Amino acid sequence: IGKRAKYVSEENALDHVAGYTIVN
């Protein structure tokens, strides 16, 4: 998560993502 997210819509959800990684 890159930006604070509270009650966000699916349409706007990805705007709050800083990036992706691998988790085991």
PDB file of all heavy atoms in Angstrom:
ATOM      1  N   ILE A   1       0.844  -1.199   0.000  1.00  0.00           N
ATOM      2  CA  ILE A   1       0.000   0.000   0.000  1.00  0.00           C
ATOM      3  C   ILE A   1       0.877   1.247   0.000  1.00  0.00           C
ATOM      4  O   ILE A   1       1.851   1.335   0.755  1.00  0.00           O
ATOM      5  CB  ILE A   1      -0.940  -0.001   1.222  1.00  0.00           C
ATOM      6  CG1 ILE A   1      -1.908  -1.188   1.158  1.00  0.00           C
ATOM      7  CG2 ILE A   1      -1.722   1.314   1.309  1.00  0.00           C
ATOM      8  CD1 ILE A   1      -2.833  -1.180  -0.045  1.00  0.00           C
ATOM      9  N   GLY A   2       0.529   2.204  -0.866  1.00  0.00           N
ATOM     10  CA  GLY A   2       1.288   3.440  -0.948  1.00  0.00           C
ATOM     11  C   GLY A   2       0.560   4.638  -0.380  1.00  0.00           C
ATOM     12  O   GLY A   2       1.178   5.554   0.153  1.00  0.00           O
ATOM     13  N   LYS A   3      -0.776   4.620  -0.484  1.00  0.00           N
ATOM     14  CA  LYS A   3      -1.575   5.742   0.000  1.00  0.00           C
ATOM     15  C   LYS A   3      -2.694   5.212   0.887  1.00  0.00           C
ATOM     16  O   LYS A   3      -3.278   4.168   0.611  1.00  0.00           O
ATOM     17  CB  LYS A   3      -2.159   6.531  -1.178  1.00  0.00           C
ATOM     18  CG  LYS A   3      -1.102   7.173  -2.062  1.00  0.00           C
ATOM     19  CD  LYS A   3      -1.733   7.911  -3.233  1.00  0.00           C
ATOM     20  CE  LYS A   3      -0.655   8.521  -4.132  1.00  0.00           C
ATOM     21  NZ  LYS A   3      -1.232   9.187  -5.310  1.00  0.00           N
ATOM     22  N   ARG A   4      -2.986   5.952   1.929  1.00  0.00           N
ATOM     23  CA  ARG A   4      -4.003   5.567   2.904  1.00  0.00           C
ATOM     24  C   ARG A   4      -5.307   5.221   2.194  1.00  0.00           C
ATOM     25  O   ARG A   4      -5.763   5.948   1.309  1.00  0.00           O
ATOM     26  CB  ARG A   4      -4.226   6.705   3.891  1.00  0.00           C
ATOM     27  CG  ARG A   4      -5.065   6.358   5.106  1.00  0.00           C
ATOM     28  CD  ARG A   4      -5.027   7.537   6.071  1.00  0.00           C
ATOM     29  NE  ARG A   4      -5.710   7.231   7.324  1.00  0.00           N
ATOM     30  CZ  ARG A   4      -6.987   7.475   7.562  1.00  0.00           C
ATOM     31  NH1 ARG A   4      -7.746   8.033   6.611  1.00  0.00           N
ATOM     32  NH2 ARG A   4      -7.520   7.170   8.718  1.00  0.00           N
ATOM     33  N   ALA A   5      -5.908   4.096   2.583  1.00  0.00           N
ATOM     34  CA  ALA A   5      -7.131   3.627   1.932  1.00  0.00           C
ATOM     35  C   ALA A   5      -8.193   3.308   2.978  1.00  0.00           C
ATOM     36  O   ALA A   5      -7.976   2.459   3.847  1.00  0.00           O
ATOM     37  CB  ALA A   5      -6.839   2.379   1.093  1.00  0.00           C
ATOM     38  N   LYS A   6      -9.306   3.974   2.894  1.00  0.00           N
ATOM     39  CA  LYS A   6     -10.444   3.716   3.769  1.00  0.00           C
ATOM     40  C   LYS A   6     -11.714   3.887   2.949  1.00  0.00           C
ATOM     41  O   LYS A   6     -11.925   4.952   2.345  1.00  0.00           O
ATOM     42  CB  LYS A   6     -10.448   4.673   4.967  1.00  0.00           C
ATOM     43  CG  LYS A   6     -11.533   4.380   6.004  1.00  0.00           C
ATOM     44  CD  LYS A   6     -11.386   5.310   7.194  1.00  0.00           C
ATOM     45  CE  LYS A   6     -12.475   5.053   8.246  1.00  0.00           C
ATOM     46  NZ  LYS A   6     -12.361   3.720   8.871  1.00  0.00           N
ATOM     47  N   TYR A   7     -12.534   2.835   2.890  1.00  0.00           N
ATOM     48  CA  TYR A   7     -13.767   2.842   2.106  1.00  0.00           C
ATOM     49  C   TYR A   7     -13.508   3.230   0.648  1.00  0.00           C
ATOM     50  O   TYR A   7     -14.214   4.064   0.082  1.00  0.00           O
ATOM     51  CB  TYR A   7     -14.799   3.776   2.735  1.00  0.00           C
ATOM     52  CG  TYR A   7     -15.191   3.420   4.141  1.00  0.00           C
ATOM     53  CD1 TYR A   7     -15.144   4.376   5.160  1.00  0.00           C
ATOM     54  CD2 TYR A   7     -15.600   2.130   4.467  1.00  0.00           C
ATOM     55  CE1 TYR A   7     -15.508   4.060   6.462  1.00  0.00           C
ATOM     56  CE2 TYR A   7     -15.967   1.799   5.763  1.00  0.00           C
ATOM     57  CZ  TYR A   7     -15.913   2.761   6.759  1.00  0.00           C
ATOM     58  OH  TYR A   7     -16.255   2.440   8.046  1.00  0.00           O
ATOM     59  N   VAL A   8     -12.512   2.638   0.032  1.00  0.00           N
ATOM     60  CA  VAL A   8     -12.247   2.952  -1.370  1.00  0.00           C
ATOM     61  C   VAL A   8     -13.038   1.996  -2.261  1.00  0.00           C
ATOM     62  O   VAL A   8     -13.359   0.864  -1.886  1.00  0.00           O
ATOM     63  CB  VAL A   8     -10.740   2.867  -1.705  1.00  0.00           C
ATOM     64  CG1 VAL A   8      -9.961   3.833  -0.840  1.00  0.00           C
ATOM     65  CG2 VAL A   8     -10.206   1.455  -1.566  1.00  0.00           C
ATOM     66  N   SER A   9     -13.351   2.445  -3.449  1.00  0.00           N
ATOM     67  CA  SER A   9     -14.081   1.626  -4.415  1.00  0.00           C
ATOM     68  C   SER A   9     -13.113   0.736  -5.177  1.00  0.00           C
ATOM     69  O   SER A   9     -11.897   0.985  -5.215  1.00  0.00           O
ATOM     70  CB  SER A   9     -14.827   2.520  -5.400  1.00  0.00           C
ATOM     71  OG  SER A   9     -13.899   3.248  -6.193  1.00  0.00           O
ATOM     72  N   GLU A  10     -13.653  -0.302  -5.806  1.00  0.00           N
ATOM     73  CA  GLU A  10     -12.813  -1.141  -6.664  1.00  0.00           C
ATOM     74  C   GLU A  10     -12.206  -0.328  -7.794  1.00  0.00           C
ATOM     75  O   GLU A  10     -11.056  -0.557  -8.192  1.00  0.00           O
ATOM     76  CB  GLU A  10     -13.641  -2.299  -7.232  1.00  0.00           C
ATOM     77  CG  GLU A  10     -14.017  -3.359  -6.221  1.00  0.00           C
ATOM     78  CD  GLU A  10     -14.821  -4.481  -6.848  1.00  0.00           C
ATOM     79  OE1 GLU A  10     -14.625  -4.726  -8.062  1.00  0.00           O
ATOM     80  OE2 GLU A  10     -15.656  -5.088  -6.152  1.00  0.00           O
ATOM     81  N   GLU A  11     -12.966   0.628  -8.316  1.00  0.00           N
ATOM     82  CA  GLU A  11     -12.484   1.436  -9.436  1.00  0.00           C
ATOM     83  C   GLU A  11     -11.262   2.263  -9.052  1.00  0.00           C
ATOM     84  O   GLU A  11     -10.385   2.521  -9.897  1.00  0.00           O
ATOM     85  CB  GLU A  11     -13.598   2.360  -9.938  1.00  0.00           C
ATOM     86  CG  GLU A  11     -14.758   1.655 -10.619  1.00  0.00           C
ATOM     87  CD  GLU A  11     -15.669   0.911  -9.639  1.00  0.00           C
ATOM     88  OE1 GLU A  11     -15.648   1.228  -8.434  1.00  0.00           O
ATOM     89  OE2 GLU A  11     -16.398   0.011 -10.108  1.00  0.00           O
ATOM     90  N   ASN A  12     -11.184   2.673  -7.782  1.00  0.00           N
ATOM     91  CA  ASN A  12     -10.084   3.528  -7.335  1.00  0.00           C
ATOM     92  C   ASN A  12      -9.041   2.785  -6.509  1.00  0.00           C
ATOM     93  O   ASN A  12      -8.039   3.383  -6.106  1.00  0.00           O
ATOM     94  CB  ASN A  12     -10.632   4.695  -6.500  1.00  0.00           C
ATOM     95  CG  ASN A  12     -11.534   5.609  -7.310  1.00  0.00           C
ATOM     96  OD1 ASN A  12     -11.295   5.825  -8.496  1.00  0.00           O
ATOM     97  ND2 ASN A  12     -12.574   6.127  -6.682  1.00  0.00           N
ATOM     98  N   ALA A  13      -9.275   1.505  -6.271  1.00  0.00           N
ATOM     99  CA  ALA A  13      -8.425   0.769  -5.334  1.00  0.00           C
ATOM    100  C   ALA A  13      -6.964   0.747  -5.749  1.00  0.00           C
ATOM    101  O   ALA A  13      -6.054   0.916  -4.920  1.00  0.00           O
ATOM    102  CB  ALA A  13      -8.947  -0.661  -5.174  1.00  0.00           C
ATOM    103  N   LEU A  14      -6.693   0.560  -7.029  1.00  0.00           N
ATOM    104  CA  LEU A  14      -5.308   0.433  -7.475  1.00  0.00           C
ATOM    105  C   LEU A  14      -4.537   1.742  -7.370  1.00  0.00           C
ATOM    106  O   LEU A  14      -3.297   1.729  -7.399  1.00  0.00           O
ATOM    107  CB  LEU A  14      -5.255  -0.110  -8.901  1.00  0.00           C
ATOM    108  CG  LEU A  14      -5.845  -1.512  -9.101  1.00  0.00           C
ATOM    109  CD1 LEU A  14      -5.593  -1.990 -10.532  1.00  0.00           C
ATOM    110  CD2 LEU A  14      -5.275  -2.511  -8.103  1.00  0.00           C
ATOM    111  N   ASP A  15      -5.243   2.856  -7.223  1.00  0.00           N
ATOM    112  CA  ASP A  15      -4.566   4.139  -7.023  1.00  0.00           C
ATOM    113  C   ASP A  15      -3.836   4.184  -5.683  1.00  0.00           C
ATOM    114  O   ASP A  15      -2.984   5.056  -5.472  1.00  0.00           O
ATOM    115  CB  ASP A  15      -5.571   5.290  -7.075  1.00  0.00           C
ATOM    116  CG  ASP A  15      -6.216   5.442  -8.446  1.00  0.00           C
ATOM    117  OD1 ASP A  15      -5.611   4.959  -9.430  1.00  0.00           O
ATOM    118  OD2 ASP A  15      -7.305   6.035  -8.524  1.00  0.00           O
ATOM    119  N   HIS A  16      -4.177   3.271  -4.796  1.00  0.00           N
ATOM    120  CA  HIS A  16      -3.581   3.253  -3.454  1.00  0.00           C
ATOM    121  C   HIS A  16      -2.428   2.254  -3.337  1.00  0.00           C
ATOM    122  O   HIS A  16      -1.894   2.049  -2.253  1.00  0.00           O
ATOM    123  CB  HIS A  16      -4.660   2.925  -2.422  1.00  0.00           C
ATOM    124  CG  HIS A  16      -5.751   3.959  -2.358  1.00  0.00           C
ATOM    125  ND1 HIS A  16      -5.766   4.961  -1.414  1.00  0.00           N
ATOM    126  CD2 HIS A  16      -6.843   4.163  -3.142  1.00  0.00           C
ATOM    127  CE1 HIS A  16      -6.820   5.732  -1.614  1.00  0.00           C
ATOM    128  NE2 HIS A  16      -7.491   5.267  -2.660  1.00  0.00           N
ATOM    129  N   VAL A  17      -2.071   1.646  -4.445  1.00  0.00           N
ATOM    130  CA  VAL A  17      -1.026   0.615  -4.449  1.00  0.00           C
ATOM    131  C   VAL A  17       0.306   1.219  -4.879  1.00  0.00           C
ATOM    132  O   VAL A  17       0.404   1.825  -5.949  1.00  0.00           O
ATOM    133  CB  VAL A  17      -1.413  -0.539  -5.390  1.00  0.00           C
ATOM    134  CG1 VAL A  17      -0.273  -1.554  -5.509  1.00  0.00           C
ATOM    135  CG2 VAL A  17      -2.677  -1.229  -4.885  1.00  0.00           C
ATOM    136  N   ALA A  18       1.343   1.051  -4.039  1.00  0.00           N
ATOM    137  CA  ALA A  18       2.686   1.524  -4.390  1.00  0.00           C
ATOM    138  C   ALA A  18       3.364   0.577  -5.355  1.00  0.00           C
ATOM    139  O   ALA A  18       4.149   0.992  -6.211  1.00  0.00           O
ATOM    140  CB  ALA A  18       3.537   1.682  -3.133  1.00  0.00           C
ATOM    141  N   GLY A  19       3.085  -0.708  -5.204  1.00  0.00           N
ATOM    142  CA  GLY A  19       3.722  -1.704  -6.059  1.00  0.00           C
ATOM    143  C   GLY A  19       3.460  -3.102  -5.556  1.00  0.00           C
ATOM    144  O   GLY A  19       2.633  -3.328  -4.657  1.00  0.00           O
ATOM    145  N   TYR A  20       4.210  -4.036  -6.126  1.00  0.00           N
ATOM    146  CA  TYR A  20       3.982  -5.456  -5.862  1.00  0.00           C
ATOM    147  C   TYR A  20       5.295  -6.154  -5.538  1.00  0.00           C
ATOM    148  O   TYR A  20       6.382  -5.722  -5.939  1.00  0.00           O
ATOM    149  CB  TYR A  20       3.315  -6.108  -7.078  1.00  0.00           C
ATOM    150  CG  TYR A  20       2.012  -5.461  -7.436  1.00  0.00           C
ATOM    151  CD1 TYR A  20       1.940  -4.462  -8.413  1.00  0.00           C
ATOM    152  CD2 TYR A  20       0.832  -5.802  -6.777  1.00  0.00           C
ATOM    153  CE1 TYR A  20       0.748  -3.840  -8.728  1.00  0.00           C
ATOM    154  CE2 TYR A  20      -0.366  -5.186  -7.088  1.00  0.00           C
ATOM    155  CZ  TYR A  20      -0.410  -4.208  -8.062  1.00  0.00           C
ATOM    156  OH  TYR A  20      -1.603  -3.589  -8.354  1.00  0.00           O
ATOM    157  N   THR A  21       5.180  -7.260  -4.824  1.00  0.00           N
ATOM    158  CA  THR A  21       6.350  -8.024  -4.418  1.00  0.00           C
ATOM    159  C   THR A  21       5.945  -9.485  -4.266  1.00  0.00           C
ATOM    160  O   THR A  21       4.793  -9.855  -4.479  1.00  0.00           O
ATOM    161  CB  THR A  21       6.939  -7.444  -3.115  1.00  0.00           C
ATOM    162  OG1 THR A  21       8.208  -8.042  -2.856  1.00  0.00           O
ATOM    163  CG2 THR A  21       6.005  -7.668  -1.923  1.00  0.00           C
ATOM    164  N   ILE A  22       6.914 -10.317  -3.895  1.00  0.00           N
ATOM    165  CA  ILE A  22       6.657 -11.734  -3.623  1.00  0.00           C
ATOM    166  C   ILE A  22       6.589 -11.927  -2.118  1.00  0.00           C
ATOM    167  O   ILE A  22       7.432 -11.411  -1.373  1.00  0.00           O
ATOM    168  CB  ILE A  22       7.762 -12.633  -4.201  1.00  0.00           C
ATOM    169  CG1 ILE A  22       7.915 -12.407  -5.707  1.00  0.00           C
ATOM    170  CG2 ILE A  22       7.478 -14.104  -3.914  1.00  0.00           C
ATOM    171  CD1 ILE A  22       9.104 -13.148  -6.318  1.00  0.00           C
ATOM    172  N   VAL A  23       5.610 -12.684  -1.669  1.00  0.00           N
ATOM    173  CA  VAL A  23       5.518 -13.089  -0.266  1.00  0.00           C
ATOM    174  C   VAL A  23       5.437 -14.607  -0.212  1.00  0.00           C
ATOM    175  O   VAL A  23       4.656 -15.217  -0.940  1.00  0.00           O
ATOM    176  CB  VAL A  23       4.276 -12.486   0.429  1.00  0.00           C
ATOM    177  CG1 VAL A  23       4.177 -12.976   1.878  1.00  0.00           C
ATOM    178  CG2 VAL A  23       4.317 -10.962   0.379  1.00  0.00           C
ATOM    179  N   ASN A  24       6.248 -15.216   0.637  1.00  0.00           N
ATOM    180  CA  ASN A  24       6.113 -16.647   0.928  1.00  0.00           C
ATOM    181  C   ASN A  24       5.379 -16.762   2.257  1.00  0.00           C
ATOM    182  O   ASN A  24       5.933 -16.454   3.312  1.00  0.00           O
ATOM    183  CB  ASN A  24       7.485 -17.314   1.008  1.00  0.00           C
ATOM    184  CG  ASN A  24       7.396 -18.834   1.129  1.00  0.00           C
ATOM    185  OD1 ASN A  24       6.319 -19.391   1.280  1.00  0.00           O
ATOM    186  ND2 ASN A  24       8.535 -19.497   1.084  1.00  0.00           N
TER     187      ASN A  24
END
